Amino acid sequence: MIEELMKILSDKTRLRILNLLSIKPRCVCELIAILQLPQSTISRHISKMRLINLLIPQKERLFTTYRINNEFLSKYSFLDPLLHDLNIEFKDDIEKSKNIYIVDGKCNISK
């Protein structure tokens, strides 16, 4: 399991996704809008993180949001300081995320 986790953490896109999910649960459309990456790329990275149970899906009306699994975090306590450092490293993503909101099951970007 630790080997798979290290592989997950070795990718910048997955770190950016974890950073955003450390703030709050998000749907794929939010991640697409913030990270400016194709849906297939975001979904592929989420799938890899779900395989090791790092992320948990939650069905919400018309879409699925993803959140970081707190049990996973408690098992691997070194992730807490990492998530804090990611907030600093990828602060631009966090700023972009403040302009994303969901209305009627669709992501919107406020200007």
PDB file of N, CA and C in Angstrom:
ATOM      1  N   MET A   1       0.820  -1.201   0.000  1.00  0.00           N
ATOM      2  CA  MET A   1       0.000   0.000   0.000  1.00  0.00           C
ATOM      3  C   MET A   1       0.862   1.262   0.000  1.00  0.00           C
ATOM      4  N   ILE A   2       1.933   1.272   0.784  1.00  0.00           N
ATOM      5  CA  ILE A   2       2.758   2.476   0.865  1.00  0.00           C
ATOM      6  C   ILE A   2       3.420   2.768  -0.476  1.00  0.00           C
ATOM      7  N   GLU A   3       3.774   1.723  -1.212  1.00  0.00           N
ATOM      8  CA  GLU A   3       4.370   1.928  -2.533  1.00  0.00           C
ATOM      9  C   GLU A   3       3.375   2.611  -3.479  1.00  0.00           C
ATOM     10  N   GLU A   4       2.126   2.173  -3.448  1.00  0.00           N
ATOM     11  CA  GLU A   4       1.098   2.787  -4.289  1.00  0.00           C
ATOM     12  C   GLU A   4       0.867   4.246  -3.884  1.00  0.00           C
ATOM     13  N   LEU A   5       0.881   4.495  -2.585  1.00  0.00           N
ATOM     14  CA  LEU A   5       0.708   5.861  -2.099  1.00  0.00           C
ATOM     15  C   LEU A   5       1.847   6.753  -2.588  1.00  0.00           C
ATOM     16  N   MET A   6       3.058   6.269  -2.527  1.00  0.00           N
ATOM     17  CA  MET A   6       4.198   7.057  -2.988  1.00  0.00           C
ATOM     18  C   MET A   6       4.091   7.350  -4.486  1.00  0.00           C
ATOM     19  N   LYS A   7       3.594   6.401  -5.249  1.00  0.00           N
ATOM     20  CA  LYS A   7       3.380   6.639  -6.681  1.00  0.00           C
ATOM     21  C   LYS A   7       2.337   7.729  -6.888  1.00  0.00           C
ATOM     22  N   ILE A   8       1.281   7.695  -6.094  1.00  0.00           N
ATOM     23  CA  ILE A   8       0.241   8.727  -6.175  1.00  0.00           C
ATOM     24  C   ILE A   8       0.848  10.097  -5.896  1.00  0.00           C
ATOM     25  N   LEU A   9       1.677  10.183  -4.881  1.00  0.00           N
ATOM     26  CA  LEU A   9       2.242  11.459  -4.453  1.00  0.00           C
ATOM     27  C   LEU A   9       3.362  11.953  -5.369  1.00  0.00           C
ATOM     28  N   SER A  10       3.769  11.142  -6.320  1.00  0.00           N
ATOM     29  CA  SER A  10       4.863  11.534  -7.205  1.00  0.00           C
ATOM     30  C   SER A  10       4.389  12.303  -8.439  1.00  0.00           C
ATOM     31  N   ASP A  11       3.093  12.552  -8.537  1.00  0.00           N
ATOM     32  CA  ASP A  11       2.543  13.219  -9.703  1.00  0.00           C
ATOM     33  C   ASP A  11       1.990  14.598  -9.324  1.00  0.00           C
ATOM     34  N   LYS A  12       2.417  15.624 -10.036  1.00  0.00           N
ATOM     35  CA  LYS A  12       2.013  16.998  -9.713  1.00  0.00           C
ATOM     36  C   LYS A  12       0.506  17.206  -9.841  1.00  0.00           C
ATOM     37  N   THR A  13      -0.111  16.636 -10.858  1.00  0.00           N
ATOM     38  CA  THR A  13      -1.559  16.811 -11.025  1.00  0.00           C
ATOM     39  C   THR A  13      -2.318  16.200  -9.853  1.00  0.00           C
ATOM     40  N   ARG A  14      -1.915  15.020  -9.414  1.00  0.00           N
ATOM     41  CA  ARG A  14      -2.588  14.400  -8.266  1.00  0.00           C
ATOM     42  C   ARG A  14      -2.373  15.225  -7.003  1.00  0.00           C
ATOM     43  N   LEU A  15      -1.192  15.811  -6.855  1.00  0.00           N
ATOM     44  CA  LEU A  15      -0.956  16.689  -5.704  1.00  0.00           C
ATOM     45  C   LEU A  15      -1.854  17.919  -5.759  1.00  0.00           C
ATOM     46  N   ARG A  16      -2.040  18.456  -6.949  1.00  0.00           N
ATOM     47  CA  ARG A  16      -2.928  19.618  -7.091  1.00  0.00           C
ATOM     48  C   ARG A  16      -4.373  19.244  -6.751  1.00  0.00           C
ATOM     49  N   ILE A  17      -4.790  18.059  -7.169  1.00  0.00           N
ATOM     50  CA  ILE A  17      -6.142  17.593  -6.845  1.00  0.00           C
ATOM     51  C   ILE A  17      -6.278  17.407  -5.338  1.00  0.00           C
ATOM     52  N   LEU A  18      -5.308  16.759  -4.721  1.00  0.00           N
ATOM     53  CA  LEU A  18      -5.344  16.569  -3.264  1.00  0.00           C
ATOM     54  C   LEU A  18      -5.396  17.910  -2.543  1.00  0.00           C
ATOM     55  N   ASN A  19      -4.632  18.859  -3.029  1.00  0.00           N
ATOM     56  CA  ASN A  19      -4.641  20.188  -2.428  1.00  0.00           C
ATOM     57  C   ASN A  19      -6.049  20.769  -2.423  1.00  0.00           C
ATOM     58  N   LEU A  20      -6.709  20.729  -3.561  1.00  0.00           N
ATOM     59  CA  LEU A  20      -8.065  21.282  -3.651  1.00  0.00           C
ATOM     60  C   LEU A  20      -9.058  20.506  -2.799  1.00  0.00           C
ATOM     61  N   LEU A  21      -8.909  19.195  -2.747  1.00  0.00           N
ATOM     62  CA  LEU A  21      -9.825  18.382  -1.946  1.00  0.00           C
ATOM     63  C   LEU A  21      -9.539  18.501  -0.454  1.00  0.00           C
ATOM     64  N   SER A  22      -8.359  18.983  -0.106  1.00  0.00           N
ATOM     65  CA  SER A  22      -8.066  19.190   1.319  1.00  0.00           C
ATOM     66  C   SER A  22      -8.846  20.384   1.865  1.00  0.00           C
ATOM     67  N   ILE A  23      -9.296  21.262   0.975  1.00  0.00           N
ATOM     68  CA  ILE A  23     -10.092  22.421   1.380  1.00  0.00           C
ATOM     69  C   ILE A  23     -11.557  22.030   1.533  1.00  0.00           C
ATOM     70  N   LYS A  24     -12.090  21.304   0.519  1.00  0.00           N
ATOM     71  CA  LYS A  24     -13.482  20.852   0.577  1.00  0.00           C
ATOM     72  C   LYS A  24     -13.718  19.811  -0.509  1.00  0.00           C
ATOM     73  N   PRO A  25     -14.763  18.995  -0.370  1.00  0.00           N
ATOM     74  CA  PRO A  25     -15.101  18.044  -1.435  1.00  0.00           C
ATOM     75  C   PRO A  25     -15.452  18.791  -2.717  1.00  0.00           C
ATOM     76  N   ARG A  26     -15.103  18.192  -3.845  1.00  0.00           N
ATOM     77  CA  ARG A  26     -15.360  18.829  -5.135  1.00  0.00           C
ATOM     78  C   ARG A  26     -15.774  17.791  -6.170  1.00  0.00           C
ATOM     79  N   CYS A  27     -16.495  18.256  -7.177  1.00  0.00           N
ATOM     80  CA  CYS A  27     -16.856  17.383  -8.296  1.00  0.00           C
ATOM     81  C   CYS A  27     -15.801  17.532  -9.392  1.00  0.00           C
ATOM     82  N   VAL A  28     -15.849  16.621 -10.352  1.00  0.00           N
ATOM     83  CA  VAL A  28     -14.890  16.636 -11.446  1.00  0.00           C
ATOM     84  C   VAL A  28     -14.976  17.940 -12.231  1.00  0.00           C
ATOM     85  N   CYS A  29     -16.184  18.454 -12.449  1.00  0.00           N
ATOM     86  CA  CYS A  29     -16.310  19.688 -13.237  1.00  0.00           C
ATOM     87  C   CYS A  29     -15.619  20.861 -12.545  1.00  0.00           C
ATOM     88  N   GLU A  30     -15.638  20.902 -11.224  1.00  0.00           N
ATOM     89  CA  GLU A  30     -14.921  21.963 -10.508  1.00  0.00           C
ATOM     90  C   GLU A  30     -13.417  21.828 -10.728  1.00  0.00           C
ATOM     91  N   LEU A  31     -12.925  20.593 -10.623  1.00  0.00           N
ATOM     92  CA  LEU A  31     -11.493  20.355 -10.806  1.00  0.00           C
ATOM     93  C   LEU A  31     -11.054  20.707 -12.222  1.00  0.00           C
ATOM     94  N   ILE A  32     -11.895  20.386 -13.210  1.00  0.00           N
ATOM     95  CA  ILE A  32     -11.602  20.736 -14.602  1.00  0.00           C
ATOM     96  C   ILE A  32     -11.477  22.255 -14.739  1.00  0.00           C
ATOM     97  N   ALA A  33     -12.432  22.976 -14.176  1.00  0.00           N
ATOM     98  CA  ALA A  33     -12.443  24.434 -14.287  1.00  0.00           C
ATOM     99  C   ALA A  33     -11.240  25.073 -13.593  1.00  0.00           C
ATOM    100  N   ILE A  34     -10.870  24.549 -12.459  1.00  0.00           N
ATOM    101  CA  ILE A  34      -9.761  25.129 -11.699  1.00  0.00           C
ATOM    102  C   ILE A  34      -8.415  24.773 -12.320  1.00  0.00           C
ATOM    103  N   LEU A  35      -8.230  23.498 -12.619  1.00  0.00           N
ATOM    104  CA  LEU A  35      -6.930  23.018 -13.095  1.00  0.00           C
ATOM    105  C   LEU A  35      -6.727  23.196 -14.591  1.00  0.00           C
ATOM    106  N   GLN A  36      -7.822  23.486 -15.315  1.00  0.00           N
ATOM    107  CA  GLN A  36      -7.736  23.663 -16.766  1.00  0.00           C
ATOM    108  C   GLN A  36      -7.138  22.432 -17.445  1.00  0.00           C
ATOM    109  N   LEU A  37      -7.652  21.276 -17.060  1.00  0.00           N
ATOM    110  CA  LEU A  37      -7.234  19.996 -17.632  1.00  0.00           C
ATOM    111  C   LEU A  37      -8.465  19.270 -18.160  1.00  0.00           C
ATOM    112  N   PRO A  38      -8.283  18.371 -19.136  1.00  0.00           N
ATOM    113  CA  PRO A  38      -9.421  17.631 -19.680  1.00  0.00           C
ATOM    114  C   PRO A  38     -10.067  16.710 -18.647  1.00  0.00           C
ATOM    115  N   GLN A  39     -11.350  16.460 -18.843  1.00  0.00           N
ATOM    116  CA  GLN A  39     -12.109  15.580 -17.949  1.00  0.00           C
ATOM    117  C   GLN A  39     -11.447  14.206 -17.846  1.00  0.00           C
ATOM    118  N   SER A  40     -10.961  13.677 -18.951  1.00  0.00           N
ATOM    119  CA  SER A  40     -10.346  12.339 -18.938  1.00  0.00           C
ATOM    120  C   SER A  40      -9.100  12.307 -18.052  1.00  0.00           C
ATOM    121  N   THR A  41      -8.335  13.372 -18.061  1.00  0.00           N
ATOM    122  CA  THR A  41      -7.131  13.447 -17.222  1.00  0.00           C
ATOM    123  C   THR A  41      -7.510  13.474 -15.745  1.00  0.00           C
ATOM    124  N   ILE A  42      -8.445  14.332 -15.389  1.00  0.00           N
ATOM    125  CA  ILE A  42      -8.893  14.434 -13.992  1.00  0.00           C
ATOM    126  C   ILE A  42      -9.459  13.100 -13.530  1.00  0.00           C
ATOM    127  N   SER A  43     -10.311  12.501 -14.343  1.00  0.00           N
ATOM    128  CA  SER A  43     -10.945  11.229 -13.969  1.00  0.00           C
ATOM    129  C   SER A  43      -9.913  10.118 -13.796  1.00  0.00           C
ATOM    130  N   ARG A  44      -8.919  10.091 -14.664  1.00  0.00           N
ATOM    131  CA  ARG A  44      -7.874   9.060 -14.554  1.00  0.00           C
ATOM    132  C   ARG A  44      -7.114   9.193 -13.225  1.00  0.00           C
ATOM    133  N   HIS A  45      -6.786  10.427 -12.850  1.00  0.00           N
ATOM    134  CA  HIS A  45      -6.065  10.644 -11.591  1.00  0.00           C
ATOM    135  C   HIS A  45      -6.940  10.318 -10.377  1.00  0.00           C
ATOM    136  N   ILE A  46      -8.183  10.699 -10.437  1.00  0.00           N
ATOM    137  CA  ILE A  46      -9.103  10.373  -9.342  1.00  0.00           C
ATOM    138  C   ILE A  46      -9.232   8.863  -9.201  1.00  0.00           C
ATOM    139  N   SER A  47      -9.340   8.178 -10.314  1.00  0.00           N
ATOM    140  CA  SER A  47      -9.467   6.721 -10.299  1.00  0.00           C
ATOM    141  C   SER A  47      -8.279   6.066  -9.596  1.00  0.00           C
ATOM    142  N   LYS A  48      -7.082   6.544  -9.879  1.00  0.00           N
ATOM    143  CA  LYS A  48      -5.889   5.983  -9.229  1.00  0.00           C
ATOM    144  C   LYS A  48      -5.918   6.217  -7.722  1.00  0.00           C
ATOM    145  N   MET A  49      -6.388   7.383  -7.308  1.00  0.00           N
ATOM    146  CA  MET A  49      -6.442   7.674  -5.867  1.00  0.00           C
ATOM    147  C   MET A  49      -7.549   6.888  -5.180  1.00  0.00           C
ATOM    148  N   ARG A  50      -8.611   6.606  -5.917  1.00  0.00           N
ATOM    149  CA  ARG A  50      -9.697   5.791  -5.356  1.00  0.00           C
ATOM    150  C   ARG A  50      -9.261   4.343  -5.172  1.00  0.00           C
ATOM    151  N   LEU A  51      -8.398   3.852  -6.045  1.00  0.00           N
ATOM    152  CA  LEU A  51      -7.940   2.466  -5.958  1.00  0.00           C
ATOM    153  C   LEU A  51      -7.286   2.147  -4.615  1.00  0.00           C
ATOM    154  N   ILE A  52      -6.610   3.124  -4.037  1.00  0.00           N
ATOM    155  CA  ILE A  52      -5.967   2.885  -2.739  1.00  0.00           C
ATOM    156  C   ILE A  52      -6.808   3.436  -1.590  1.00  0.00           C
ATOM    157  N   ASN A  53      -8.021   3.873  -1.910  1.00  0.00           N
ATOM    158  CA  ASN A  53      -8.975   4.365  -0.913  1.00  0.00           C
ATOM    159  C   ASN A  53      -8.586   5.717  -0.314  1.00  0.00           C
ATOM    160  N   LEU A  54      -7.772   6.478  -1.035  1.00  0.00           N
ATOM    161  CA  LEU A  54      -7.400   7.811  -0.583  1.00  0.00           C
ATOM    162  C   LEU A  54      -8.561   8.786  -0.765  1.00  0.00           C
ATOM    163  N   LEU A  55      -9.339   8.588  -1.820  1.00  0.00           N
ATOM    164  CA  LEU A  55     -10.509   9.427  -2.078  1.00  0.00           C
ATOM    165  C   LEU A  55     -11.781   8.613  -1.961  1.00  0.00           C
ATOM    166  N   ILE A  56     -12.828   9.288  -1.515  1.00  0.00           N
ATOM    167  CA  ILE A  56     -14.139   8.662  -1.367  1.00  0.00           C
ATOM    168  C   ILE A  56     -15.146   9.452  -2.193  1.00  0.00           C
ATOM    169  N   PRO A  57     -15.914   8.763  -3.052  1.00  0.00           N
ATOM    170  CA  PRO A  57     -16.952   9.460  -3.818  1.00  0.00           C
ATOM    171  C   PRO A  57     -18.214   9.636  -2.989  1.00  0.00           C
ATOM    172  N   GLN A  58     -18.928  10.719  -3.242  1.00  0.00           N
ATOM    173  CA  GLN A  58     -20.213  10.961  -2.593  1.00  0.00           C
ATOM    174  C   GLN A  58     -21.186  11.451  -3.657  1.00  0.00           C
ATOM    175  N   LYS A  59     -22.268  10.715  -3.850  1.00  0.00           N
ATOM    176  CA  LYS A  59     -23.277  11.109  -4.827  1.00  0.00           C
ATOM    177  C   LYS A  59     -24.095  12.257  -4.256  1.00  0.00           C
ATOM    178  N   GLU A  60     -24.180  13.354  -5.020  1.00  0.00           N
ATOM    179  CA  GLU A  60     -24.959  14.521  -4.603  1.00  0.00           C
ATOM    180  C   GLU A  60     -25.823  14.959  -5.773  1.00  0.00           C
ATOM    181  N   ARG A  61     -27.095  14.649  -5.692  1.00  0.00           N
ATOM    182  CA  ARG A  61     -28.058  14.962  -6.750  1.00  0.00           C
ATOM    183  C   ARG A  61     -27.553  14.514  -8.115  1.00  0.00           C
ATOM    184  N   LEU A  62     -27.167  15.460  -8.970  1.00  0.00           N
ATOM    185  CA  LEU A  62     -26.819  15.152 -10.347  1.00  0.00           C
ATOM    186  C   LEU A  62     -25.350  14.788 -10.567  1.00  0.00           C
ATOM    187  N   PHE A  63     -24.529  14.917  -9.549  1.00  0.00           N
ATOM    188  CA  PHE A  63     -23.105  14.690  -9.749  1.00  0.00           C
ATOM    189  C   PHE A  63     -22.489  14.003  -8.537  1.00  0.00           C
ATOM    190  N   THR A  64     -21.240  13.605  -8.702  1.00  0.00           N
ATOM    191  CA  THR A  64     -20.490  12.958  -7.635  1.00  0.00           C
ATOM    192  C   THR A  64     -19.372  13.889  -7.190  1.00  0.00           C
ATOM    193  N   THR A  65     -19.259  14.080  -5.893  1.00  0.00           N
ATOM    194  CA  THR A  65     -18.125  14.832  -5.358  1.00  0.00           C
ATOM    195  C   THR A  65     -17.139  13.832  -4.758  1.00  0.00           C
ATOM    196  N   TYR A  66     -15.922  14.284  -4.621  1.00  0.00           N
ATOM    197  CA  TYR A  66     -14.865  13.453  -4.037  1.00  0.00           C
ATOM    198  C   TYR A  66     -14.281  14.176  -2.854  1.00  0.00           C
ATOM    199  N   ARG A  67     -13.956  13.390  -1.837  1.00  0.00           N
ATOM    200  CA  ARG A  67     -13.317  13.956  -0.654  1.00  0.00           C
ATOM    201  C   ARG A  67     -12.176  13.041  -0.235  1.00  0.00           C
ATOM    202  N   ILE A  68     -11.274  13.597   0.531  1.00  0.00           N
ATOM    203  CA  ILE A  68     -10.165  12.795   1.051  1.00  0.00           C
ATOM    204  C   ILE A  68     -10.689  11.938   2.188  1.00  0.00           C
ATOM    205  N   ASN A  69     -10.303  10.683   2.195  1.00  0.00           N
ATOM    206  CA  ASN A  69     -10.722   9.730   3.209  1.00  0.00           C
ATOM    207  C   ASN A  69      -9.982  10.019   4.515  1.00  0.00           C
ATOM    208  N   ASN A  70     -10.698  10.472   5.532  1.00  0.00           N
ATOM    209  CA  ASN A  70     -10.082  10.814   6.819  1.00  0.00           C
ATOM    210  C   ASN A  70      -9.439   9.609   7.498  1.00  0.00           C
ATOM    211  N   GLU A  71      -9.996   8.430   7.320  1.00  0.00           N
ATOM    212  CA  GLU A  71      -9.380   7.225   7.891  1.00  0.00           C
ATOM    213  C   GLU A  71      -8.022   6.970   7.262  1.00  0.00           C
ATOM    214  N   PHE A  72      -7.917   7.222   5.980  1.00  0.00           N
ATOM    215  CA  PHE A  72      -6.644   7.075   5.282  1.00  0.00           C
ATOM    216  C   PHE A  72      -5.634   8.069   5.844  1.00  0.00           C
ATOM    217  N   LEU A  73      -6.074   9.315   6.049  1.00  0.00           N
ATOM    218  CA  LEU A  73      -5.190  10.338   6.607  1.00  0.00           C
ATOM    219  C   LEU A  73      -4.694   9.968   7.999  1.00  0.00           C
ATOM    220  N   SER A  74      -5.567   9.404   8.806  1.00  0.00           N
ATOM    221  CA  SER A  74      -5.147   9.035  10.160  1.00  0.00           C
ATOM    222  C   SER A  74      -4.168   7.863  10.143  1.00  0.00           C
ATOM    223  N   LYS A  75      -4.290   7.001   9.156  1.00  0.00           N
ATOM    224  CA  LYS A  75      -3.365   5.867   9.033  1.00  0.00           C
ATOM    225  C   LYS A  75      -1.983   6.335   8.596  1.00  0.00           C
ATOM    226  N   TYR A  76      -1.938   7.339   7.729  1.00  0.00           N
ATOM    227  CA  TYR A  76      -0.673   7.870   7.216  1.00  0.00           C
ATOM    228  C   TYR A  76      -0.539   9.326   7.663  1.00  0.00           C
ATOM    229  N   SER A  77      -0.140   9.500   8.892  1.00  0.00           N
ATOM    230  CA  SER A  77      -0.137  10.821   9.520  1.00  0.00           C
ATOM    231  C   SER A  77       0.828  11.811   8.850  1.00  0.00           C
ATOM    232  N   PHE A  78       1.794  11.329   8.108  1.00  0.00           N
ATOM    233  CA  PHE A  78       2.713  12.240   7.427  1.00  0.00           C
ATOM    234  C   PHE A  78       2.018  13.048   6.329  1.00  0.00           C
ATOM    235  N   LEU A  79       0.792  12.657   5.969  1.00  0.00           N
ATOM    236  CA  LEU A  79       0.070  13.383   4.928  1.00  0.00           C
ATOM    237  C   LEU A  79      -0.443  14.741   5.411  1.00  0.00           C
ATOM    238  N   ASP A  80      -0.694  14.886   6.691  1.00  0.00           N
ATOM    239  CA  ASP A  80      -1.208  16.170   7.206  1.00  0.00           C
ATOM    240  C   ASP A  80      -0.257  17.337   6.919  1.00  0.00           C
ATOM    241  N   PRO A  81       1.028  17.225   7.288  1.00  0.00           N
ATOM    242  CA  PRO A  81       1.921  18.344   6.956  1.00  0.00           C
ATOM    243  C   PRO A  81       2.103  18.511   5.445  1.00  0.00           C
ATOM    244  N   LEU A  82       2.043  17.425   4.711  1.00  0.00           N
ATOM    245  CA  LEU A  82       2.144  17.513   3.255  1.00  0.00           C
ATOM    246  C   LEU A  82       0.995  18.337   2.689  1.00  0.00           C
ATOM    247  N   LEU A  83      -0.216  18.074   3.145  1.00  0.00           N
ATOM    248  CA  LEU A  83      -1.378  18.831   2.664  1.00  0.00           C
ATOM    249  C   LEU A  83      -1.244  20.307   2.997  1.00  0.00           C
ATOM    250  N   HIS A  84      -0.711  20.602   4.156  1.00  0.00           N
ATOM    251  CA  HIS A  84      -0.478  22.002   4.525  1.00  0.00           C
ATOM    252  C   HIS A  84       0.504  22.652   3.548  1.00  0.00           C
ATOM    253  N   ASP A  85       1.585  21.952   3.242  1.00  0.00           N
ATOM    254  CA  ASP A  85       2.581  22.486   2.310  1.00  0.00           C
ATOM    255  C   ASP A  85       2.015  22.630   0.905  1.00  0.00           C
ATOM    256  N   LEU A  86       1.123  21.730   0.519  1.00  0.00           N
ATOM    257  CA  LEU A  86       0.499  21.826  -0.798  1.00  0.00           C
ATOM    258  C   LEU A  86      -0.336  23.095  -0.904  1.00  0.00           C
ATOM    259  N   ASN A  87      -1.006  23.473   0.187  1.00  0.00           N
ATOM    260  CA  ASN A  87      -1.804  24.708   0.192  1.00  0.00           C
ATOM    261  C   ASN A  87      -0.937  25.917  -0.127  1.00  0.00           C
ATOM    262  N   ILE A  88       0.295  25.874   0.299  1.00  0.00           N
ATOM    263  CA  ILE A  88       1.232  26.969   0.029  1.00  0.00           C
ATOM    264  C   ILE A  88       1.767  26.854  -1.404  1.00  0.00           C
ATOM    265  N   GLU A  89       2.179  25.660  -1.776  1.00  0.00           N
ATOM    266  CA  GLU A  89       2.769  25.426  -3.107  1.00  0.00           C
ATOM    267  C   GLU A  89       1.785  25.744  -4.237  1.00  0.00           C
ATOM    268  N   PHE A  90       0.534  25.369  -4.056  1.00  0.00           N
ATOM    269  CA  PHE A  90      -0.459  25.525  -5.116  1.00  0.00           C
ATOM    270  C   PHE A  90      -1.541  26.543  -4.718  1.00  0.00           C
ATOM    271  N   LYS A  91      -1.098  27.639  -4.141  1.00  0.00           N
ATOM    272  CA  LYS A  91      -2.051  28.662  -3.675  1.00  0.00           C
ATOM    273  C   LYS A  91      -2.847  29.274  -4.821  1.00  0.00           C
ATOM    274  N   ASP A  92      -2.280  29.294  -6.030  1.00  0.00           N
ATOM    275  CA  ASP A  92      -3.014  29.827  -7.184  1.00  0.00           C
ATOM    276  C   ASP A  92      -4.265  29.001  -7.468  1.00  0.00           C
ATOM    277  N   ASP A  93      -4.153  27.685  -7.320  1.00  0.00           N
ATOM    278  CA  ASP A  93      -5.325  26.823  -7.521  1.00  0.00           C
ATOM    279  C   ASP A  93      -6.413  27.151  -6.501  1.00  0.00           C
ATOM    280  N   ILE A  94      -6.007  27.397  -5.269  1.00  0.00           N
ATOM    281  CA  ILE A  94      -6.973  27.728  -4.225  1.00  0.00           C
ATOM    282  C   ILE A  94      -7.652  29.061  -4.552  1.00  0.00           C
ATOM    283  N   GLU A  95      -6.893  30.015  -5.033  1.00  0.00           N
ATOM    284  CA  GLU A  95      -7.482  31.311  -5.415  1.00  0.00           C
ATOM    285  C   GLU A  95      -8.491  31.133  -6.552  1.00  0.00           C
ATOM    286  N   LYS A  96      -8.147  30.345  -7.562  1.00  0.00           N
ATOM    287  CA  LYS A  96      -9.071  30.082  -8.668  1.00  0.00           C
ATOM    288  C   LYS A  96     -10.340  29.413  -8.164  1.00  0.00           C
ATOM    289  N   SER A  97     -10.186  28.535  -7.180  1.00  0.00           N
ATOM    290  CA  SER A  97     -11.337  27.775  -6.682  1.00  0.00           C
ATOM    291  C   SER A  97     -12.379  28.670  -6.030  1.00  0.00           C
ATOM    292  N   LYS A  98     -11.980  29.844  -5.594  1.00  0.00           N
ATOM    293  CA  LYS A  98     -12.917  30.768  -4.948  1.00  0.00           C
ATOM    294  C   LYS A  98     -13.920  31.351  -5.941  1.00  0.00           C
ATOM    295  N   ASN A  99     -13.628  31.220  -7.224  1.00  0.00           N
ATOM    296  CA  ASN A  99     -14.508  31.755  -8.262  1.00  0.00           C
ATOM    297  C   ASN A  99     -15.379  30.688  -8.906  1.00  0.00           C
ATOM    298  N   ILE A 100     -15.347  29.472  -8.383  1.00  0.00           N
ATOM    299  CA  ILE A 100     -16.119  28.363  -8.944  1.00  0.00           C
ATOM    300  C   ILE A 100     -17.320  28.100  -8.046  1.00  0.00           C
ATOM    301  N   TYR A 101     -18.482  27.996  -8.644  1.00  0.00           N
ATOM    302  CA  TYR A 101     -19.671  27.642  -7.885  1.00  0.00           C
ATOM    303  C   TYR A 101     -20.574  26.776  -8.749  1.00  0.00           C
ATOM    304  N   ILE A 102     -21.434  26.015  -8.103  1.00  0.00           N
ATOM    305  CA  ILE A 102     -22.312  25.088  -8.807  1.00  0.00           C
ATOM    306  C   ILE A 102     -23.749  25.583  -8.712  1.00  0.00           C
ATOM    307  N   VAL A 103     -24.389  25.670  -9.869  1.00  0.00           N
ATOM    308  CA  VAL A 103     -25.794  26.068  -9.950  1.00  0.00           C
ATOM    309  C   VAL A 103     -26.490  25.068 -10.855  1.00  0.00           C
ATOM    310  N   ASP A 104     -27.592  24.505 -10.370  1.00  0.00           N
ATOM    311  CA  ASP A 104     -28.363  23.537 -11.145  1.00  0.00           C
ATOM    312  C   ASP A 104     -27.502  22.400 -11.688  1.00  0.00           C
ATOM    313  N   GLY A 105     -26.574  21.924 -10.874  1.00  0.00           N
ATOM    314  CA  GLY A 105     -25.744  20.793 -11.255  1.00  0.00           C
ATOM    315  C   GLY A 105     -24.664  21.104 -12.266  1.00  0.00           C
ATOM    316  N   LYS A 106     -24.391  22.389 -12.519  1.00  0.00           N
ATOM    317  CA  LYS A 106     -23.346  22.782 -13.466  1.00  0.00           C
ATOM    318  C   LYS A 106     -22.376  23.736 -12.795  1.00  0.00           C
ATOM    319  N   CYS A 107     -21.098  23.564 -13.135  1.00  0.00           N
ATOM    320  CA  CYS A 107     -20.074  24.463 -12.606  1.00  0.00           C
ATOM    321  C   CYS A 107     -20.090  25.773 -13.363  1.00  0.00           C
ATOM    322  N   ASN A 108     -19.920  26.843 -12.631  1.00  0.00           N
ATOM    323  CA  ASN A 108     -19.851  28.166 -13.221  1.00  0.00           C
ATOM    324  C   ASN A 108     -18.621  28.870 -12.663  1.00  0.00           C
ATOM    325  N   ILE A 109     -18.064  29.759 -13.467  1.00  0.00           N
ATOM    326  CA  ILE A 109     -16.909  30.544 -13.036  1.00  0.00           C
ATOM    327  C   ILE A 109     -17.342  32.001 -12.986  1.00  0.00           C
ATOM    328  N   SER A 110     -17.194  32.605 -11.818  1.00  0.00           N
ATOM    329  CA  SER A 110     -17.532  34.024 -11.716  1.00  0.00           C
ATOM    330  C   SER A 110     -16.322  34.842 -12.155  1.00  0.00           C
ATOM    331  N   LYS A 111     -16.577  35.910 -12.795  1.00  0.00           N
ATOM    332  CA  LYS A 111     -15.481  36.776 -13.303  1.00  0.00           C
ATOM    333  C   LYS A 111     -15.241  37.924 -12.368  1.00  0.00           C
TER     334      LYS A 111
END
